[in-house]
PDB file of N, CA and C in Angstrom:
ATOM      1  N   MET A   1      30.044  40.203 -16.947  1.00  0.00           N
ATOM      2  CA  MET A   1      29.437  39.355 -17.700  1.00  0.00           C
ATOM      3  C   MET A   1      29.309  38.164 -17.370  1.00  0.00           C
ATOM      4  N   PHE A   2      30.374  37.554 -16.778  1.00  0.00           N
ATOM      5  CA  PHE A   2      30.254  36.134 -16.231  1.00  0.00           C
ATOM      6  C   PHE A   2      29.451  35.913 -14.880  1.00  0.00           C
ATOM      7  N   ASP A   3      28.949  37.035 -14.043  1.00  0.00           N
ATOM      8  CA  ASP A   3      28.323  36.791 -12.753  1.00  0.00           C
ATOM      9  C   ASP A   3      26.845  36.774 -13.580  1.00  0.00           C
ATOM     10  N   GLU A   4      26.397  37.676 -14.912  1.00  0.00           N
ATOM     11  CA  GLU A   4      25.248  37.727 -15.156  1.00  0.00           C
ATOM     12  C   GLU A   4      24.735  36.229 -15.825  1.00  0.00           C
ATOM     13  N   ILE A   5      25.936  35.506 -16.506  1.00  0.00           N
ATOM     14  CA  ILE A   5      25.755  34.233 -17.120  1.00  0.00           C
ATOM     15  C   ILE A   5      25.411  33.119 -15.959  1.00  0.00           C
ATOM     16  N   LEU A   6      26.366  33.007 -15.057  1.00  0.00           N
ATOM     17  CA  LEU A   6      26.520  32.202 -13.962  1.00  0.00           C
ATOM     18  C   LEU A   6      24.999  32.422 -13.176  1.00  0.00           C
ATOM     19  N   PHE A   7      24.760  33.577 -12.885  1.00  0.00           N
ATOM     20  CA  PHE A   7      23.660  33.694 -12.155  1.00  0.00           C
ATOM     21  C   PHE A   7      22.141  33.359 -12.960  1.00  0.00           C
ATOM     22  N   GLY A   8      22.128  33.326 -14.018  1.00  0.00           N
ATOM     23  CA  GLY A   8      21.314  32.647 -15.230  1.00  0.00           C
ATOM     24  C   GLY A   8      21.099  31.247 -15.293  1.00  0.00           C
ATOM     25  N   ILE A   9      22.372  30.660 -15.039  1.00  0.00           N
ATOM     26  CA  ILE A   9      22.298  29.139 -15.090  1.00  0.00           C
ATOM     27  C   ILE A   9      22.037  28.295 -13.944  1.00  0.00           C
ATOM     28  N   ILE A  10      22.483  28.875 -12.670  1.00  0.00           N
ATOM     29  CA  ILE A  10      22.395  28.265 -11.511  1.00  0.00           C
ATOM     30  C   ILE A  10      20.884  28.091 -11.440  1.00  0.00           C
ATOM     31  N   PRO A  11      19.777  29.121 -11.354  1.00  0.00           N
ATOM     32  CA  PRO A  11      18.128  28.356 -10.936  1.00  0.00           C
ATOM     33  C   PRO A  11      18.028  27.164 -12.275  1.00  0.00           C
ATOM     34  N   PHE A  12      18.526  27.253 -13.359  1.00  0.00           N
ATOM     35  CA  PHE A  12      18.161  26.193 -14.242  1.00  0.00           C
ATOM     36  C   PHE A  12      19.042  24.869 -13.396  1.00  0.00           C
ATOM     37  N   ILE A  13      19.917  24.953 -13.289  1.00  0.00           N
ATOM     38  CA  ILE A  13      20.917  23.544 -12.981  1.00  0.00           C
ATOM     39  C   ILE A  13      19.818  23.404 -11.015  1.00  0.00           C
ATOM     40  N   ILE A  14      19.521  24.243 -10.544  1.00  0.00           N
ATOM     41  CA  ILE A  14      19.001  23.720  -9.166  1.00  0.00           C
ATOM     42  C   ILE A  14      17.357  23.396  -9.689  1.00  0.00           C
ATOM     43  N   PHE A  15      16.766  23.766 -10.797  1.00  0.00           N
ATOM     44  CA  PHE A  15      15.530  23.374 -11.618  1.00  0.00           C
ATOM     45  C   PHE A  15      15.827  21.722 -11.893  1.00  0.00           C
ATOM     46  N   LEU A  16      16.678  21.853 -12.883  1.00  0.00           N
ATOM     47  CA  LEU A  16      17.132  20.423 -13.278  1.00  0.00           C
ATOM     48  C   LEU A  16      17.079  19.201 -12.141  1.00  0.00           C
ATOM     49  N   LEU A  17      18.082  19.579 -11.125  1.00  0.00           N
ATOM     50  CA  LEU A  17      18.332  18.687 -10.010  1.00  0.00           C
ATOM     51  C   LEU A  17      17.189  18.362  -9.440  1.00  0.00           C
ATOM     52  N   PHE A  18      15.824  19.148  -8.861  1.00  0.00           N
ATOM     53  CA  PHE A  18      15.081  19.008  -8.200  1.00  0.00           C
ATOM     54  C   PHE A  18      13.986  18.067  -9.208  1.00  0.00           C
ATOM     55  N   PHE A  19      14.123  18.673 -10.352  1.00  0.00           N
ATOM     56  CA  PHE A  19      13.285  17.903 -11.278  1.00  0.00           C
ATOM     57  C   PHE A  19      13.640  16.287 -11.334  1.00  0.00           C
ATOM     58  N   GLY A  20      14.890  16.234 -11.705  1.00  0.00           N
ATOM     59  CA  GLY A  20      15.642  14.535 -11.827  1.00  0.00           C
ATOM     60  C   GLY A  20      15.421  13.983 -10.442  1.00  0.00           C
ATOM     61  N   VAL A  21      15.601  14.239  -9.391  1.00  0.00           N
ATOM     62  CA  VAL A  21      15.325  13.803  -8.213  1.00  0.00           C
ATOM     63  C   VAL A  21      13.691  13.297  -7.879  1.00  0.00           C
ATOM     64  N   GLY A  22      12.957  14.189  -8.395  1.00  0.00           N
ATOM     65  CA  GLY A  22      11.439  14.050  -8.569  1.00  0.00           C
ATOM     66  C   GLY A  22      11.129  12.890  -9.470  1.00  0.00           C
ATOM     67  N   ILE A  23      11.639  12.840 -10.438  1.00  0.00           N
ATOM     68  CA  ILE A  23      11.373  11.844 -11.460  1.00  0.00           C
ATOM     69  C   ILE A  23      11.808  10.605 -10.791  1.00  0.00           C
ATOM     70  N   LEU A  24      13.268  10.237 -10.475  1.00  0.00           N
ATOM     71  CA  LEU A  24      13.895   8.903  -9.930  1.00  0.00           C
ATOM     72  C   LEU A  24      12.991   8.795  -8.690  1.00  0.00           C
ATOM     73  N   GLY A  25      12.437   9.813  -7.835  1.00  0.00           N
ATOM     74  CA  GLY A  25      11.789   9.322  -6.827  1.00  0.00           C
ATOM     75  C   GLY A  25      10.559   8.534  -7.177  1.00  0.00           C
ATOM     76  N   THR A  26       9.677   9.091  -8.010  1.00  0.00           N
ATOM     77  CA  THR A  26       8.536   8.465  -8.537  1.00  0.00           C
ATOM     78  C   THR A  26       8.577   7.003  -9.098  1.00  0.00           C
ATOM     79  N   LEU A  27       9.801   6.820  -9.749  1.00  0.00           N
ATOM     80  CA  LEU A  27      10.244   5.831 -10.559  1.00  0.00           C
ATOM     81  C   LEU A  27      10.261   4.673  -9.581  1.00  0.00           C
ATOM     82  N   PHE A  28      11.075   4.934  -8.731  1.00  0.00           N
ATOM     83  CA  PHE A  28      11.517   3.965  -7.348  1.00  0.00           C
ATOM     84  C   PHE A  28      10.328   3.849  -6.691  1.00  0.00           C
ATOM     85  N   TRP A  29       9.218   4.705  -6.416  1.00  0.00           N
ATOM     86  CA  TRP A  29       8.089   4.495  -5.626  1.00  0.00           C
ATOM     87  C   TRP A  29       7.161   3.705  -6.520  1.00  0.00           C
ATOM     88  N   VAL A  30       7.107   3.661  -7.725  1.00  0.00           N
ATOM     89  CA  VAL A  30       6.079   2.775  -8.588  1.00  0.00           C
ATOM     90  C   VAL A  30       6.878   1.296  -8.757  1.00  0.00           C
ATOM     91  N   TRP A  31       8.329   1.522  -8.679  1.00  0.00           N
ATOM     92  CA  TRP A  31       8.961   0.075  -8.739  1.00  0.00           C
ATOM     93  C   TRP A  31       8.608  -0.592  -7.251  1.00  0.00           C
ATOM     94  N   MET A  32       8.654  -0.139  -6.348  1.00  0.00           N
ATOM     95  CA  MET A  32       8.515  -0.631  -5.096  1.00  0.00           C
ATOM     96  C   MET A  32       7.224  -1.068  -5.039  1.00  0.00           C
ATOM     97  N   LEU A  33       6.091  -0.227  -5.293  1.00  0.00           N
ATOM     98  CA  LEU A  33       4.738  -0.712  -5.518  1.00  0.00           C
ATOM     99  C   LEU A  33       4.528  -1.880  -6.509  1.00  0.00           C
ATOM    100  N   ILE A  34       4.805  -1.892  -7.302  1.00  0.00           N
ATOM    101  CA  ILE A  34       4.654  -3.057  -8.171  1.00  0.00           C
ATOM    102  C   ILE A  34       5.307  -4.352  -7.587  1.00  0.00           C
ATOM    103  N   ASP A  35       6.622  -4.351  -7.144  1.00  0.00           N
ATOM    104  CA  ASP A  35       7.448  -5.227  -6.494  1.00  0.00           C
ATOM    105  C   ASP A  35       6.477  -5.763  -5.032  1.00  0.00           C
ATOM    106  N   CYS A  36       6.197  -4.957  -4.351  1.00  0.00           N
ATOM    107  CA  CYS A  36       5.303  -5.592  -3.321  1.00  0.00           C
ATOM    108  C   CYS A  36       3.904  -6.109  -3.880  1.00  0.00           C
ATOM    109  N   ALA A  37       3.452  -5.400  -5.085  1.00  0.00           N
ATOM    110  CA  ALA A  37       1.892  -5.855  -5.535  1.00  0.00           C
ATOM    111  C   ALA A  37       2.061  -7.378  -5.881  1.00  0.00           C
ATOM    112  N   THR A  38       3.196  -7.581  -6.615  1.00  0.00           N
ATOM    113  CA  THR A  38       3.454  -8.685  -7.356  1.00  0.00           C
ATOM    114  C   THR A  38       4.170 -10.009  -6.766  1.00  0.00           C
ATOM    115  N   LYS A  39       5.007  -9.587  -5.941  1.00  0.00           N
ATOM    116  CA  LYS A  39       5.865 -10.789  -4.981  1.00  0.00           C
ATOM    117  C   LYS A  39       5.738 -10.949  -3.569  1.00  0.00           C
ATOM    118  N   GLU A  40       5.234  -9.788  -3.150  1.00  0.00           N
ATOM    119  CA  GLU A  40       4.661  -9.968  -1.469  1.00  0.00           C
ATOM    120  C   GLU A  40       3.903 -11.396  -1.313  1.00  0.00           C
ATOM    121  N   PRO A  41       4.077 -12.128  -0.724  1.00  0.00           N
ATOM    122  CA  PRO A  41       3.138 -13.433  -0.452  1.00  0.00           C
ATOM    123  C   PRO A  41       2.014 -12.974   0.106  1.00  0.00           C
ATOM    124  N   SER A  42       0.797 -13.643  -0.236  1.00  0.00           N
ATOM    125  CA  SER A  42      -0.488 -13.188   0.310  1.00  0.00           C
ATOM    126  C   SER A  42      -0.874 -13.816   1.746  1.00  0.00           C
ATOM    127  N   GLU A  43      -0.158 -13.692   2.695  1.00  0.00           N
ATOM    128  CA  GLU A  43      -0.458 -14.375   4.087  1.00  0.00           C
ATOM    129  C   GLU A  43      -0.640 -13.380   4.893  1.00  0.00           C
ATOM    130  N   GLY A  44      -2.107 -13.544   5.279  1.00  0.00           N
ATOM    131  CA  GLY A  44      -2.666 -12.473   6.150  1.00  0.00           C
ATOM    132  C   GLY A  44      -3.095 -11.207   5.319  1.00  0.00           C
ATOM    133  N   ASN A  45      -2.828 -10.071   5.927  1.00  0.00           N
ATOM    134  CA  ASN A  45      -3.084  -8.855   5.331  1.00  0.00           C
ATOM    135  C   ASN A  45      -1.688  -8.036   5.286  1.00  0.00           C
ATOM    136  N   ASP A  46      -0.363  -8.896   5.262  1.00  0.00           N
ATOM    137  CA  ASP A  46       0.963  -8.248   5.053  1.00  0.00           C
ATOM    138  C   ASP A  46       1.240  -7.443   3.794  1.00  0.00           C
ATOM    139  N   LYS A  47       0.356  -7.956   2.581  1.00  0.00           N
ATOM    140  CA  LYS A  47       0.667  -7.214   1.209  1.00  0.00           C
ATOM    141  C   LYS A  47      -0.335  -6.028   1.053  1.00  0.00           C
ATOM    142  N   LEU A  48      -1.821  -6.148   1.807  1.00  0.00           N
ATOM    143  CA  LEU A  48      -2.651  -4.888   1.783  1.00  0.00           C
ATOM    144  C   LEU A  48      -1.880  -4.036   2.732  1.00  0.00           C
ATOM    145  N   ILE A  49      -1.454  -4.225   3.634  1.00  0.00           N
ATOM    146  CA  ILE A  49      -0.908  -3.317   4.883  1.00  0.00           C
ATOM    147  C   ILE A  49       0.707  -2.731   3.847  1.00  0.00           C
ATOM    148  N   TRP A  50       1.399  -3.074   3.379  1.00  0.00           N
ATOM    149  CA  TRP A  50       2.483  -2.696   2.559  1.00  0.00           C
ATOM    150  C   TRP A  50       2.110  -2.102   1.612  1.00  0.00           C
ATOM    151  N   ILE A  51       1.130  -2.184   0.998  1.00  0.00           N
ATOM    152  CA  ILE A  51       0.743  -1.455  -0.161  1.00  0.00           C
ATOM    153  C   ILE A  51       0.133  -0.042   0.192  1.00  0.00           C
ATOM    154  N   ILE A  52      -0.706  -0.083   1.169  1.00  0.00           N
ATOM    155  CA  ILE A  52      -1.232   0.980   1.839  1.00  0.00           C
ATOM    156  C   ILE A  52      -0.204   1.813   2.220  1.00  0.00           C
ATOM    157  N   VAL A  53       0.984   1.494   3.205  1.00  0.00           N
ATOM    158  CA  VAL A  53       2.016   2.049   3.358  1.00  0.00           C
ATOM    159  C   VAL A  53       2.258   2.879   2.593  1.00  0.00           C
ATOM    160  N   ILE A  54       3.121   1.991   1.362  1.00  0.00           N
ATOM    161  CA  ILE A  54       3.826   2.476   0.063  1.00  0.00           C
ATOM    162  C   ILE A  54       3.091   3.709  -0.598  1.00  0.00           C
ATOM    163  N   ILE A  55       1.747   3.775  -0.641  1.00  0.00           N
ATOM    164  CA  ILE A  55       1.039   4.451  -1.324  1.00  0.00           C
ATOM    165  C   ILE A  55       0.601   5.827  -0.569  1.00  0.00           C
ATOM    166  N   PHE A  56       0.390   5.733   0.563  1.00  0.00           N
ATOM    167  CA  PHE A  56       0.247   6.956   1.439  1.00  0.00           C
ATOM    168  C   PHE A  56       1.518   7.891   1.913  1.00  0.00           C
ATOM    169  N   THR A  57       2.608   6.886   1.899  1.00  0.00           N
ATOM    170  CA  THR A  57       3.638   7.851   2.412  1.00  0.00           C
ATOM    171  C   THR A  57       4.675   7.766   1.397  1.00  0.00           C
ATOM    172  N   HIS A  58       4.103   7.634  -0.028  1.00  0.00           N
ATOM    173  CA  HIS A  58       5.267   7.893  -1.027  1.00  0.00           C
ATOM    174  C   HIS A  58       6.692   7.577  -1.104  1.00  0.00           C
ATOM    175  N   LEU A  59       7.467   8.319  -1.139  1.00  0.00           N
ATOM    176  CA  LEU A  59       8.875   7.827  -1.074  1.00  0.00           C
ATOM    177  C   LEU A  59       9.632   7.212   0.235  1.00  0.00           C
ATOM    178  N   LEU A  60       8.910   7.747   1.274  1.00  0.00           N
ATOM    179  CA  LEU A  60       9.516   7.524   2.514  1.00  0.00           C
ATOM    180  C   LEU A  60       8.779   6.064   2.653  1.00  0.00           C
ATOM    181  N   GLY A  61       7.748   5.761   2.362  1.00  0.00           N
ATOM    182  CA  GLY A  61       7.062   4.179   2.516  1.00  0.00           C
ATOM    183  C   GLY A  61       7.989   3.449   1.637  1.00  0.00           C
ATOM    184  N   ALA A  62       8.171   3.744   0.424  1.00  0.00           N
ATOM    185  CA  ALA A  62       9.143   2.874  -0.868  1.00  0.00           C
ATOM    186  C   ALA A  62      10.452   2.636   0.057  1.00  0.00           C
ATOM    187  N   LEU A  63      10.946   3.656   0.616  1.00  0.00           N
ATOM    188  CA  LEU A  63      12.373   3.443   1.249  1.00  0.00           C
ATOM    189  C   LEU A  63      12.506   2.527   2.261  1.00  0.00           C
ATOM    190  N   ILE A  64      11.283   2.596   3.293  1.00  0.00           N
ATOM    191  CA  ILE A  64      11.197   1.570   4.372  1.00  0.00           C
ATOM    192  C   ILE A  64      10.753   0.291   3.937  1.00  0.00           C
ATOM    193  N   TYR A  65      10.224   0.026   3.098  1.00  0.00           N
ATOM    194  CA  TYR A  65       9.832  -1.264   2.049  1.00  0.00           C
ATOM    195  C   TYR A  65      10.948  -1.763   1.980  1.00  0.00           C
ATOM    196  N   PHE A  66      11.888  -0.963   0.871  1.00  0.00           N
ATOM    197  CA  PHE A  66      12.928  -1.276   0.425  1.00  0.00           C
ATOM    198  C   PHE A  66      14.208  -1.839   1.303  1.00  0.00           C
ATOM    199  N   LEU A  67      14.151  -0.945   2.540  1.00  0.00           N
ATOM    200  CA  LEU A  67      15.198  -1.533   3.081  1.00  0.00           C
ATOM    201  C   LEU A  67      14.964  -2.309   4.298  1.00  0.00           C
ATOM    202  N   VAL A  68      13.432  -2.482   4.741  1.00  0.00           N
ATOM    203  CA  VAL A  68      13.422  -3.142   5.689  1.00  0.00           C
ATOM    204  C   VAL A  68      12.643  -4.755   5.375  1.00  0.00           C
ATOM    205  N   ARG A  69      11.425  -4.889   4.716  1.00  0.00           N
ATOM    206  CA  ARG A  69      10.590  -5.567   4.499  1.00  0.00           C
ATOM    207  C   ARG A  69      11.005  -6.779   2.942  1.00  0.00           C
ATOM    208  N   ARG A  70      11.650  -5.707   2.226  1.00  0.00           N
ATOM    209  CA  ARG A  70      12.062  -6.505   0.940  1.00  0.00           C
ATOM    210  C   ARG A  70      13.413  -7.681   1.154  1.00  0.00           C
ATOM    211  N   PRO A  71      14.198  -7.171   1.859  1.00  0.00           N
ATOM    212  CA  PRO A  71      15.406  -8.233   2.092  1.00  0.00           C
ATOM    213  C   PRO A  71      14.809  -9.294   2.812  1.00  0.00           C
ATOM    214  N   LYS A  72      13.934  -8.961   3.880  1.00  0.00           N
ATOM    215  CA  LYS A  72      13.225 -10.283   4.636  1.00  0.00           C
ATOM    216  C   LYS A  72      12.546 -11.195   3.643  1.00  0.00           C
ATOM    217  N   ARG A  73      11.783 -10.435   2.962  1.00  0.00           N
ATOM    218  CA  ARG A  73      10.882 -11.430   2.178  1.00  0.00           C
ATOM    219  C   ARG A  73      12.121 -12.403   1.051  1.00  0.00           C
ATOM    220  N   ILE A  74      12.989 -11.500   0.235  1.00  0.00           N
ATOM    221  CA  ILE A  74      13.908 -12.390  -0.441  1.00  0.00           C
ATOM    222  C   ILE A  74      14.588 -13.618   0.474  1.00  0.00           C
ATOM    223  N   GLU A  75      14.781 -13.110   1.603  1.00  0.00           N
ATOM    224  CA  GLU A  75      15.462 -14.219   2.522  1.00  0.00           C
ATOM    225  C   GLU A  75      14.837 -15.270   2.838  1.00  0.00           C
ATOM    226  N   MET A  76      13.357 -15.028   3.038  1.00  0.00           N
ATOM    227  CA  MET A  76      12.344 -15.921   3.461  1.00  0.00           C
ATOM    228  C   MET A  76      11.713 -17.007   2.228  1.00  0.00           C
ATOM    229  N   HIS A  77      11.221 -16.128   1.002  1.00  0.00           N
ATOM    230  CA  HIS A  77      10.873 -16.546   0.158  1.00  0.00           C
ATOM    231  C   HIS A  77      11.691 -16.955  -1.138  1.00  0.00           C
ATOM    232  N   GLY A  78      12.846 -16.451  -1.258  1.00  0.00           N
ATOM    233  CA  GLY A  78      13.527 -16.363  -2.193  1.00  0.00           C
ATOM    234  C   GLY A  78      13.195 -15.681  -3.258  1.00  0.00           C
ATOM    235  N   LYS A  79      12.190 -14.587  -3.611  1.00  0.00           N
ATOM    236  CA  LYS A  79      12.133 -13.753  -4.890  1.00  0.00           C
ATOM    237  C   LYS A  79      11.854 -12.337  -4.109  1.00  0.00           C
TER     238      LYS A  79
END
């Protein structure tokens, strides 16, 4: 009896886990896209290039922007 309940709950928990990660990843992607579009200085094509990178690489591009470019931008421009 316990095995039947356990094997019925595990797929549901896995589904919720993947769904939650997907939702959080999409929210993070949107946040980085808005951050780049509104706060990145318009010097040359940097803003456009970063927006294209974030759009076409989705979560990976958002992570790269968050970890690489955003700290440099905050250090240089203070926002």
